[in-house]
Amino acid sequence: MTKIGTSEKELKYVLKHSSSGIIDEKDVVNFCHNYTQIPRATIGASLDSILQTIEHYLSLGYSVKLGDIGIFYITADARTVESNTEAGLGQLRDVNIRFRPSKELQEHIRKADKECEGIYRIVDYDKKIYEKVSSSTLDGSGSGNGSGTDGGGSTGGSTGGGGDLVG
């Protein structure tokens, strides 16, 4: 196990975002139907067509911009070589799909109510193992000093909820 630190000074902490769960395609269709009264079948067929269109254009190497939501685009991970004569598809390791949110979406999310599930001590950075040390709010009133637990004390491979590992 890779320890982050051996003394209290070397320990690192992270604030983890509290996820509300996952909304699937059916939930999106139902929400749109309730909001617009457009038949669910029409919304579902339209959504399927939009998703297929995004897949199609991404597979052709295009970026796809969706209004004020953001842009889906492709990146490549390739090994570097010493000369252009060596360069080619043989160096390609992986192709990745990325999403860049629009400024409008980022601003909307920044203004949204935020909840965090607490402050966690990073036990193992590589394996993303955390130990909860306190509940937290975004106003800074959580005690991030690790002096006590709030009964949570959970360790384990908790990776949900995001939160950047700050180091």
N, C-alpha and C. Protein backbone atom coordinates (compact mmCIF):
# COMPACT_ATOMS: atom_id res chain seq x y z
N MET A 1 0.83 -1.17 0.00
CA MET A 1 0.00 0.00 0.00
C MET A 1 0.88 1.24 0.00
N THR A 2 0.62 2.18 -0.88
CA THR A 2 1.38 3.41 -0.96
C THR A 2 0.77 4.43 -0.02
N LYS A 3 1.48 4.76 1.03
CA LYS A 3 0.98 5.75 1.98
C LYS A 3 1.30 7.15 1.45
N ILE A 4 0.39 8.07 1.68
CA ILE A 4 0.61 9.45 1.27
C ILE A 4 1.61 10.12 2.18
N GLY A 5 1.60 9.82 3.44
CA GLY A 5 2.55 10.43 4.36
C GLY A 5 2.60 9.64 5.64
N THR A 6 3.65 9.86 6.41
CA THR A 6 3.80 9.13 7.66
C THR A 6 3.53 10.01 8.86
N SER A 7 3.59 11.32 8.69
CA SER A 7 3.28 12.21 9.80
C SER A 7 2.06 13.04 9.43
N GLU A 8 1.45 13.64 10.45
CA GLU A 8 0.23 14.42 10.23
C GLU A 8 0.47 15.54 9.22
N LYS A 9 1.67 16.12 9.19
CA LYS A 9 1.98 17.19 8.25
C LYS A 9 1.94 16.72 6.80
N GLU A 10 2.32 15.49 6.55
CA GLU A 10 2.41 14.97 5.19
C GLU A 10 1.09 14.41 4.67
N LEU A 11 0.10 14.23 5.54
CA LEU A 11 -1.17 13.68 5.09
C LEU A 11 -1.86 14.67 4.17
N LYS A 12 -2.59 14.16 3.19
CA LYS A 12 -3.32 14.99 2.25
C LYS A 12 -4.81 14.72 2.42
N TYR A 13 -5.61 15.73 2.11
CA TYR A 13 -7.05 15.63 2.27
C TYR A 13 -7.74 16.10 1.00
N VAL A 14 -8.97 15.64 0.81
CA VAL A 14 -9.72 16.00 -0.38
C VAL A 14 -11.19 16.17 0.00
N LEU A 15 -11.85 17.15 -0.61
CA LEU A 15 -13.28 17.33 -0.46
C LEU A 15 -13.95 16.59 -1.60
N LYS A 16 -14.86 15.67 -1.28
CA LYS A 16 -15.50 14.87 -2.32
C LYS A 16 -16.90 15.36 -2.58
N HIS A 17 -17.23 15.53 -3.84
CA HIS A 17 -18.56 15.96 -4.26
C HIS A 17 -19.58 14.87 -3.99
N SER A 18 -20.74 15.26 -3.56
CA SER A 18 -21.81 14.33 -3.30
C SER A 18 -22.66 14.16 -4.55
N SER A 19 -22.64 12.98 -5.14
CA SER A 19 -23.38 12.71 -6.37
C SER A 19 -24.84 12.44 -6.04
N SER A 20 -25.73 12.96 -6.88
CA SER A 20 -27.16 12.73 -6.70
C SER A 20 -27.62 11.45 -7.38
N GLY A 21 -26.76 10.80 -8.12
CA GLY A 21 -27.11 9.58 -8.82
C GLY A 21 -26.97 9.73 -10.33
N ILE A 22 -27.52 8.78 -11.06
CA ILE A 22 -27.42 8.77 -12.51
C ILE A 22 -28.82 8.86 -13.10
N ILE A 23 -28.97 9.74 -14.08
CA ILE A 23 -30.21 9.86 -14.83
C ILE A 23 -29.99 9.14 -16.15
N ASP A 24 -30.86 8.18 -16.47
CA ASP A 24 -30.69 7.43 -17.71
C ASP A 24 -31.58 8.00 -18.81
N GLU A 25 -31.52 7.38 -19.98
CA GLU A 25 -32.25 7.85 -21.16
C GLU A 25 -33.76 7.91 -20.90
N LYS A 26 -34.29 6.92 -20.20
CA LYS A 26 -35.72 6.89 -19.89
C LYS A 26 -36.12 8.10 -19.04
N ASP A 27 -35.28 8.45 -18.06
CA ASP A 27 -35.56 9.61 -17.22
C ASP A 27 -35.54 10.90 -18.04
N VAL A 28 -34.60 11.01 -18.97
CA VAL A 28 -34.51 12.19 -19.83
C VAL A 28 -35.76 12.30 -20.69
N VAL A 29 -36.18 11.18 -21.27
CA VAL A 29 -37.38 11.17 -22.11
C VAL A 29 -38.61 11.58 -21.30
N ASN A 30 -38.76 11.02 -20.10
CA ASN A 30 -39.90 11.36 -19.26
C ASN A 30 -39.89 12.83 -18.85
N PHE A 31 -38.73 13.35 -18.51
CA PHE A 31 -38.64 14.77 -18.13
C PHE A 31 -39.04 15.65 -19.32
N CYS A 32 -38.49 15.36 -20.49
CA CYS A 32 -38.83 16.14 -21.68
C CYS A 32 -40.32 16.06 -21.99
N HIS A 33 -40.90 14.88 -21.88
CA HIS A 33 -42.33 14.70 -22.13
C HIS A 33 -43.16 15.54 -21.15
N ASN A 34 -42.82 15.48 -19.88
CA ASN A 34 -43.56 16.23 -18.87
C ASN A 34 -43.42 17.74 -19.06
N TYR A 35 -42.27 18.16 -19.57
CA TYR A 35 -42.01 19.59 -19.77
C TYR A 35 -42.67 20.11 -21.05
N THR A 36 -42.71 19.30 -22.09
CA THR A 36 -43.18 19.77 -23.40
C THR A 36 -44.48 19.15 -23.87
N GLN A 37 -44.86 18.00 -23.30
CA GLN A 37 -46.02 17.22 -23.73
C GLN A 37 -45.83 16.59 -25.12
N ILE A 38 -44.62 16.60 -25.63
CA ILE A 38 -44.31 15.87 -26.86
C ILE A 38 -44.37 14.39 -26.50
N PRO A 39 -44.96 13.55 -27.37
CA PRO A 39 -45.08 12.11 -27.05
C PRO A 39 -43.71 11.48 -26.73
N ARG A 40 -43.71 10.60 -25.73
CA ARG A 40 -42.47 9.93 -25.32
C ARG A 40 -41.81 9.20 -26.48
N ALA A 41 -42.59 8.56 -27.33
CA ALA A 41 -42.03 7.81 -28.47
C ALA A 41 -41.28 8.75 -29.41
N THR A 42 -41.81 9.93 -29.62
CA THR A 42 -41.16 10.91 -30.50
C THR A 42 -39.85 11.39 -29.88
N ILE A 43 -39.89 11.69 -28.59
CA ILE A 43 -38.68 12.14 -27.90
C ILE A 43 -37.64 11.03 -27.90
N GLY A 44 -38.05 9.80 -27.60
CA GLY A 44 -37.12 8.67 -27.58
C GLY A 44 -36.48 8.43 -28.93
N ALA A 45 -37.28 8.47 -30.00
CA ALA A 45 -36.74 8.27 -31.35
C ALA A 45 -35.79 9.41 -31.72
N SER A 46 -36.14 10.63 -31.33
CA SER A 46 -35.27 11.78 -31.61
C SER A 46 -33.95 11.66 -30.87
N LEU A 47 -34.02 11.27 -29.60
CA LEU A 47 -32.80 11.11 -28.80
C LEU A 47 -31.91 10.02 -29.39
N ASP A 48 -32.51 8.89 -29.77
CA ASP A 48 -31.72 7.81 -30.40
C ASP A 48 -31.04 8.31 -31.66
N SER A 49 -31.76 9.07 -32.48
CA SER A 49 -31.20 9.60 -33.71
C SER A 49 -30.05 10.57 -33.43
N ILE A 50 -30.21 11.42 -32.42
CA ILE A 50 -29.15 12.37 -32.06
C ILE A 50 -27.91 11.62 -31.60
N LEU A 51 -28.08 10.61 -30.77
CA LEU A 51 -26.94 9.84 -30.28
C LEU A 51 -26.22 9.11 -31.41
N GLN A 52 -26.98 8.53 -32.33
CA GLN A 52 -26.37 7.86 -33.49
C GLN A 52 -25.62 8.87 -34.37
N THR A 53 -26.17 10.06 -34.50
CA THR A 53 -25.52 11.10 -35.30
C THR A 53 -24.19 11.52 -34.67
N ILE A 54 -24.19 11.69 -33.35
CA ILE A 54 -22.96 12.04 -32.64
C ILE A 54 -21.91 10.95 -32.84
N GLU A 55 -22.31 9.70 -32.65
CA GLU A 55 -21.39 8.57 -32.85
C GLU A 55 -20.84 8.57 -34.28
N HIS A 56 -21.71 8.78 -35.26
CA HIS A 56 -21.32 8.76 -36.66
C HIS A 56 -20.24 9.81 -36.95
N TYR A 57 -20.50 11.05 -36.55
CA TYR A 57 -19.55 12.11 -36.85
C TYR A 57 -18.26 12.00 -36.06
N LEU A 58 -18.34 11.54 -34.82
CA LEU A 58 -17.11 11.31 -34.06
C LEU A 58 -16.26 10.23 -34.72
N SER A 59 -16.91 9.17 -35.21
CA SER A 59 -16.16 8.08 -35.86
C SER A 59 -15.51 8.54 -37.16
N LEU A 60 -16.02 9.61 -37.77
CA LEU A 60 -15.40 10.18 -38.97
C LEU A 60 -14.33 11.21 -38.65
N GLY A 61 -14.12 11.48 -37.36
CA GLY A 61 -13.08 12.41 -36.95
C GLY A 61 -13.55 13.83 -36.72
N TYR A 62 -14.84 14.07 -36.81
CA TYR A 62 -15.37 15.41 -36.55
C TYR A 62 -15.56 15.64 -35.06
N SER A 63 -15.52 16.91 -34.65
CA SER A 63 -15.98 17.31 -33.33
C SER A 63 -17.46 17.64 -33.46
N VAL A 64 -18.21 17.43 -32.38
CA VAL A 64 -19.65 17.67 -32.43
C VAL A 64 -20.01 18.67 -31.33
N LYS A 65 -20.51 19.84 -31.76
CA LYS A 65 -20.93 20.87 -30.81
C LYS A 65 -22.44 20.78 -30.64
N LEU A 66 -22.87 20.72 -29.37
CA LEU A 66 -24.29 20.63 -29.06
C LEU A 66 -24.74 21.92 -28.37
N GLY A 67 -25.15 22.89 -29.15
CA GLY A 67 -25.69 24.15 -28.62
C GLY A 67 -24.86 24.71 -27.49
N ASP A 68 -25.54 25.05 -26.40
CA ASP A 68 -24.86 25.63 -25.23
C ASP A 68 -24.41 24.57 -24.23
N ILE A 69 -24.38 23.31 -24.66
CA ILE A 69 -23.93 22.23 -23.78
C ILE A 69 -22.41 22.09 -23.85
N GLY A 70 -21.87 21.93 -25.04
CA GLY A 70 -20.44 21.77 -25.19
C GLY A 70 -20.08 21.00 -26.44
N ILE A 71 -18.83 20.57 -26.50
CA ILE A 71 -18.29 19.92 -27.69
C ILE A 71 -17.72 18.55 -27.31
N PHE A 72 -18.11 17.53 -28.07
CA PHE A 72 -17.49 16.21 -28.00
C PHE A 72 -16.39 16.19 -29.06
N TYR A 73 -15.23 15.65 -28.72
CA TYR A 73 -14.15 15.58 -29.68
C TYR A 73 -13.27 14.37 -29.39
N ILE A 74 -12.43 14.04 -30.36
CA ILE A 74 -11.56 12.86 -30.28
C ILE A 74 -10.12 13.29 -30.04
N THR A 75 -9.42 12.55 -29.20
CA THR A 75 -7.97 12.73 -29.04
C THR A 75 -7.30 11.38 -29.28
N ALA A 76 -6.04 11.44 -29.62
CA ALA A 76 -5.27 10.22 -29.85
C ALA A 76 -4.10 10.18 -28.87
N ASP A 77 -3.81 8.99 -28.40
CA ASP A 77 -2.66 8.75 -27.54
C ASP A 77 -1.68 7.92 -28.37
N ALA A 78 -0.51 8.50 -28.65
CA ALA A 78 0.46 7.80 -29.49
C ALA A 78 1.86 7.92 -28.91
N ARG A 79 2.68 6.93 -29.19
CA ARG A 79 4.08 6.96 -28.78
C ARG A 79 4.84 7.96 -29.66
N THR A 80 5.82 8.62 -29.08
CA THR A 80 6.65 9.52 -29.86
C THR A 80 7.76 8.73 -30.54
N VAL A 81 8.21 9.24 -31.68
CA VAL A 81 9.29 8.61 -32.43
C VAL A 81 10.32 9.69 -32.78
N GLU A 82 11.47 9.25 -33.24
CA GLU A 82 12.59 10.15 -33.51
C GLU A 82 12.47 10.90 -34.83
N SER A 83 11.78 10.35 -35.82
CA SER A 83 11.72 11.02 -37.12
C SER A 83 10.35 10.84 -37.75
N ASN A 84 10.05 11.72 -38.72
CA ASN A 84 8.74 11.63 -39.38
C ASN A 84 8.60 10.37 -40.23
N THR A 85 9.71 9.75 -40.61
CA THR A 85 9.60 8.52 -41.40
C THR A 85 9.13 7.35 -40.54
N GLU A 86 9.34 7.45 -39.22
CA GLU A 86 8.87 6.40 -38.31
C GLU A 86 7.42 6.61 -37.88
N ALA A 87 6.93 7.81 -38.04
CA ALA A 87 5.58 8.14 -37.57
C ALA A 87 4.53 7.44 -38.42
N GLY A 88 3.48 7.02 -37.78
CA GLY A 88 2.38 6.36 -38.48
C GLY A 88 1.42 5.73 -37.50
N LEU A 89 0.48 4.99 -38.03
CA LEU A 89 -0.54 4.37 -37.19
C LEU A 89 0.03 3.37 -36.20
N GLY A 90 1.23 2.88 -36.46
CA GLY A 90 1.86 1.93 -35.54
C GLY A 90 2.15 2.52 -34.17
N GLN A 91 2.23 3.83 -34.08
CA GLN A 91 2.49 4.48 -32.80
C GLN A 91 1.20 4.75 -32.01
N LEU A 92 0.06 4.59 -32.65
CA LEU A 92 -1.22 4.87 -32.00
C LEU A 92 -1.49 3.85 -30.91
N ARG A 93 -1.69 4.33 -29.69
CA ARG A 93 -2.01 3.45 -28.55
C ARG A 93 -3.50 3.41 -28.27
N ASP A 94 -4.16 4.57 -28.37
CA ASP A 94 -5.58 4.61 -28.02
C ASP A 94 -6.21 5.86 -28.61
N VAL A 95 -7.49 5.80 -28.82
CA VAL A 95 -8.28 6.94 -29.24
C VAL A 95 -9.30 7.19 -28.14
N ASN A 96 -9.44 8.45 -27.74
CA ASN A 96 -10.30 8.80 -26.62
C ASN A 96 -11.38 9.79 -27.04
N ILE A 97 -12.53 9.68 -26.42
CA ILE A 97 -13.60 10.66 -26.62
C ILE A 97 -13.56 11.61 -25.43
N ARG A 98 -13.54 12.89 -25.71
CA ARG A 98 -13.52 13.92 -24.68
C ARG A 98 -14.73 14.82 -24.82
N PHE A 99 -15.05 15.52 -23.75
CA PHE A 99 -16.14 16.49 -23.76
C PHE A 99 -15.63 17.77 -23.14
N ARG A 100 -15.83 18.87 -23.82
CA ARG A 100 -15.47 20.19 -23.31
C ARG A 100 -16.77 20.97 -23.10
N PRO A 101 -17.16 21.18 -21.84
CA PRO A 101 -18.40 21.91 -21.60
C PRO A 101 -18.28 23.36 -22.05
N SER A 102 -19.41 23.91 -22.48
CA SER A 102 -19.43 25.31 -22.90
C SER A 102 -19.29 26.22 -21.69
N LYS A 103 -18.95 27.47 -21.93
CA LYS A 103 -18.86 28.45 -20.84
C LYS A 103 -20.23 28.61 -20.18
N GLU A 104 -21.29 28.55 -20.98
CA GLU A 104 -22.64 28.68 -20.43
C GLU A 104 -22.96 27.54 -19.46
N LEU A 105 -22.62 26.31 -19.85
CA LEU A 105 -22.88 25.17 -18.97
C LEU A 105 -22.02 25.27 -17.71
N GLN A 106 -20.76 25.63 -17.85
CA GLN A 106 -19.89 25.76 -16.69
C GLN A 106 -20.44 26.81 -15.72
N GLU A 107 -20.88 27.93 -16.23
CA GLU A 107 -21.43 28.99 -15.39
C GLU A 107 -22.70 28.51 -14.69
N HIS A 108 -23.55 27.80 -15.42
CA HIS A 108 -24.79 27.27 -14.84
C HIS A 108 -24.47 26.32 -13.68
N ILE A 109 -23.51 25.45 -13.85
CA ILE A 109 -23.14 24.49 -12.80
C ILE A 109 -22.50 25.21 -11.61
N ARG A 110 -21.69 26.22 -11.87
CA ARG A 110 -21.07 26.99 -10.77
C ARG A 110 -22.13 27.65 -9.89
N LYS A 111 -23.24 28.06 -10.50
CA LYS A 111 -24.31 28.74 -9.75
C LYS A 111 -25.24 27.77 -9.05
N ALA A 112 -25.20 26.50 -9.44
CA ALA A 112 -26.11 25.49 -8.87
C ALA A 112 -25.73 25.22 -7.41
N ASP A 113 -26.72 24.78 -6.64
CA ASP A 113 -26.44 24.38 -5.26
C ASP A 113 -25.46 23.21 -5.28
N LYS A 114 -24.51 23.25 -4.37
CA LYS A 114 -23.50 22.20 -4.32
C LYS A 114 -23.55 21.51 -2.96
N GLU A 115 -23.40 20.22 -3.00
CA GLU A 115 -23.32 19.45 -1.77
C GLU A 115 -22.05 18.61 -1.81
N CYS A 116 -21.41 18.50 -0.68
CA CYS A 116 -20.25 17.63 -0.57
C CYS A 116 -20.51 16.66 0.57
N GLU A 117 -20.07 15.44 0.39
CA GLU A 117 -20.34 14.43 1.39
C GLU A 117 -19.38 14.47 2.55
N GLY A 118 -18.27 15.17 2.42
CA GLY A 118 -17.36 15.30 3.54
C GLY A 118 -15.93 15.46 3.12
N ILE A 119 -15.08 15.55 4.13
CA ILE A 119 -13.64 15.66 3.92
C ILE A 119 -13.03 14.29 4.18
N TYR A 120 -12.17 13.88 3.28
CA TYR A 120 -11.54 12.56 3.36
C TYR A 120 -10.03 12.68 3.40
N ARG A 121 -9.41 11.85 4.23
CA ARG A 121 -7.95 11.71 4.24
C ARG A 121 -7.60 10.74 3.13
N ILE A 122 -6.60 11.07 2.34
CA ILE A 122 -6.18 10.17 1.27
C ILE A 122 -5.26 9.12 1.88
N VAL A 123 -5.72 7.88 1.90
CA VAL A 123 -4.95 6.79 2.47
C VAL A 123 -4.00 6.21 1.43
N ASP A 124 -4.50 5.99 0.23
CA ASP A 124 -3.68 5.45 -0.86
C ASP A 124 -4.06 6.19 -2.13
N TYR A 125 -3.16 7.05 -2.58
CA TYR A 125 -3.43 7.89 -3.75
C TYR A 125 -3.65 7.06 -5.00
N ASP A 126 -2.80 6.07 -5.26
CA ASP A 126 -2.88 5.26 -6.47
C ASP A 126 -4.16 4.43 -6.54
N LYS A 127 -4.57 3.87 -5.42
CA LYS A 127 -5.76 3.02 -5.39
C LYS A 127 -7.03 3.80 -5.06
N LYS A 128 -6.90 5.11 -4.85
CA LYS A 128 -8.02 5.99 -4.53
C LYS A 128 -8.79 5.48 -3.31
N ILE A 129 -8.06 5.23 -2.24
CA ILE A 129 -8.67 4.79 -0.99
C ILE A 129 -8.67 5.98 -0.03
N TYR A 130 -9.86 6.30 0.50
CA TYR A 130 -10.02 7.45 1.37
C TYR A 130 -10.57 7.03 2.72
N GLU A 131 -10.32 7.86 3.72
CA GLU A 131 -10.92 7.66 5.04
C GLU A 131 -11.63 8.95 5.41
N LYS A 132 -12.92 8.86 5.69
CA LYS A 132 -13.70 10.05 6.02
C LYS A 132 -13.27 10.57 7.38
N VAL A 133 -12.97 11.89 7.44
CA VAL A 133 -12.55 12.49 8.70
C VAL A 133 -13.59 13.46 9.23
N SER A 134 -14.47 13.99 8.38
CA SER A 134 -15.53 14.87 8.87
C SER A 134 -16.56 15.11 7.78
N SER A 135 -17.75 15.47 8.22
CA SER A 135 -18.74 15.96 7.28
C SER A 135 -18.32 17.37 6.93
N SER A 136 -18.82 17.86 5.82
CA SER A 136 -18.35 19.17 5.40
C SER A 136 -19.44 19.95 4.72
N THR A 137 -19.30 21.24 4.75
CA THR A 137 -20.10 22.14 3.94
C THR A 137 -19.15 23.01 3.17
N LEU A 138 -19.63 23.65 2.15
CA LEU A 138 -18.75 24.46 1.31
C LEU A 138 -18.36 25.77 1.96
N ASP A 139 -18.95 26.14 3.10
CA ASP A 139 -18.58 27.39 3.74
C ASP A 139 -17.31 27.28 4.57
N GLY A 140 -16.69 26.10 4.56
CA GLY A 140 -15.42 25.93 5.26
C GLY A 140 -15.58 25.55 6.71
N SER A 141 -16.82 25.27 7.18
CA SER A 141 -17.01 24.96 8.59
C SER A 141 -16.63 23.53 8.94
N GLY A 142 -16.37 22.68 7.94
CA GLY A 142 -15.92 21.32 8.22
C GLY A 142 -14.53 21.35 8.81
N SER A 143 -14.22 20.43 9.69
CA SER A 143 -12.92 20.45 10.36
C SER A 143 -11.92 19.64 9.57
N GLY A 144 -11.24 20.11 8.64
CA GLY A 144 -10.36 19.31 7.81
C GLY A 144 -9.07 18.90 8.46
N ASN A 145 -8.97 18.94 9.80
CA ASN A 145 -7.68 18.65 10.42
C ASN A 145 -7.47 17.20 10.76
N GLY A 146 -8.45 16.35 10.55
CA GLY A 146 -8.26 14.92 10.79
C GLY A 146 -8.26 14.57 12.26
N SER A 147 -8.68 15.50 13.15
CA SER A 147 -8.60 15.24 14.57
C SER A 147 -9.67 14.29 15.06
N GLY A 148 -10.68 14.07 14.28
CA GLY A 148 -11.70 13.14 14.73
C GLY A 148 -12.56 12.71 13.55
N THR A 149 -13.30 11.65 13.76
CA THR A 149 -14.20 11.23 12.71
C THR A 149 -15.61 11.48 13.17
N ASP A 150 -16.50 11.54 12.22
CA ASP A 150 -17.90 11.76 12.56
C ASP A 150 -18.65 10.44 12.62
N GLY A 151 -17.95 9.39 12.88
CA GLY A 151 -18.59 8.08 12.94
C GLY A 151 -18.52 7.35 11.61
N GLY A 152 -18.22 8.09 10.53
CA GLY A 152 -18.13 7.46 9.23
C GLY A 152 -16.96 6.52 9.17
N GLY A 153 -15.77 7.05 9.35
CA GLY A 153 -14.56 6.27 9.42
C GLY A 153 -14.42 5.22 8.35
N SER A 154 -15.08 5.40 7.23
CA SER A 154 -15.07 4.34 6.22
C SER A 154 -13.80 4.39 5.41
N THR A 155 -13.14 3.27 5.30
CA THR A 155 -12.02 3.17 4.37
C THR A 155 -12.41 2.15 3.33
N GLY A 156 -11.79 2.25 2.22
CA GLY A 156 -12.11 1.33 1.15
C GLY A 156 -12.02 2.05 -0.16
N GLY A 157 -12.31 1.37 -1.21
CA GLY A 157 -12.13 1.90 -2.54
C GLY A 157 -13.21 2.88 -2.95
N SER A 158 -13.52 3.84 -2.14
CA SER A 158 -14.53 4.82 -2.48
C SER A 158 -14.01 5.74 -3.57
N THR A 159 -14.54 5.62 -4.76
CA THR A 159 -14.09 6.48 -5.85
C THR A 159 -15.20 7.36 -6.36
N GLY A 160 -16.42 7.15 -5.94
CA GLY A 160 -17.54 7.91 -6.47
C GLY A 160 -17.51 9.34 -6.00
N GLY A 161 -18.23 10.18 -6.73
CA GLY A 161 -18.40 11.55 -6.31
C GLY A 161 -17.36 12.51 -6.79
N GLY A 162 -16.31 12.06 -7.38
CA GLY A 162 -15.33 12.97 -7.95
C GLY A 162 -14.49 13.61 -6.88
N GLY A 163 -14.11 14.84 -7.12
CA GLY A 163 -13.23 15.53 -6.21
C GLY A 163 -11.80 15.31 -6.63
N ASP A 164 -11.13 16.40 -6.88
CA ASP A 164 -9.74 16.26 -7.32
C ASP A 164 -8.86 15.90 -6.15
N LEU A 165 -7.91 15.05 -6.39
CA LEU A 165 -6.92 14.71 -5.38
C LEU A 165 -5.91 15.84 -5.38
N VAL A 166 -5.92 16.61 -4.33
CA VAL A 166 -5.05 17.79 -4.27
C VAL A 166 -3.78 17.38 -3.57
N GLY A 167 -2.64 17.78 -4.12
CA GLY A 167 -1.40 17.34 -3.50
C GLY A 167 -0.35 18.30 -3.56
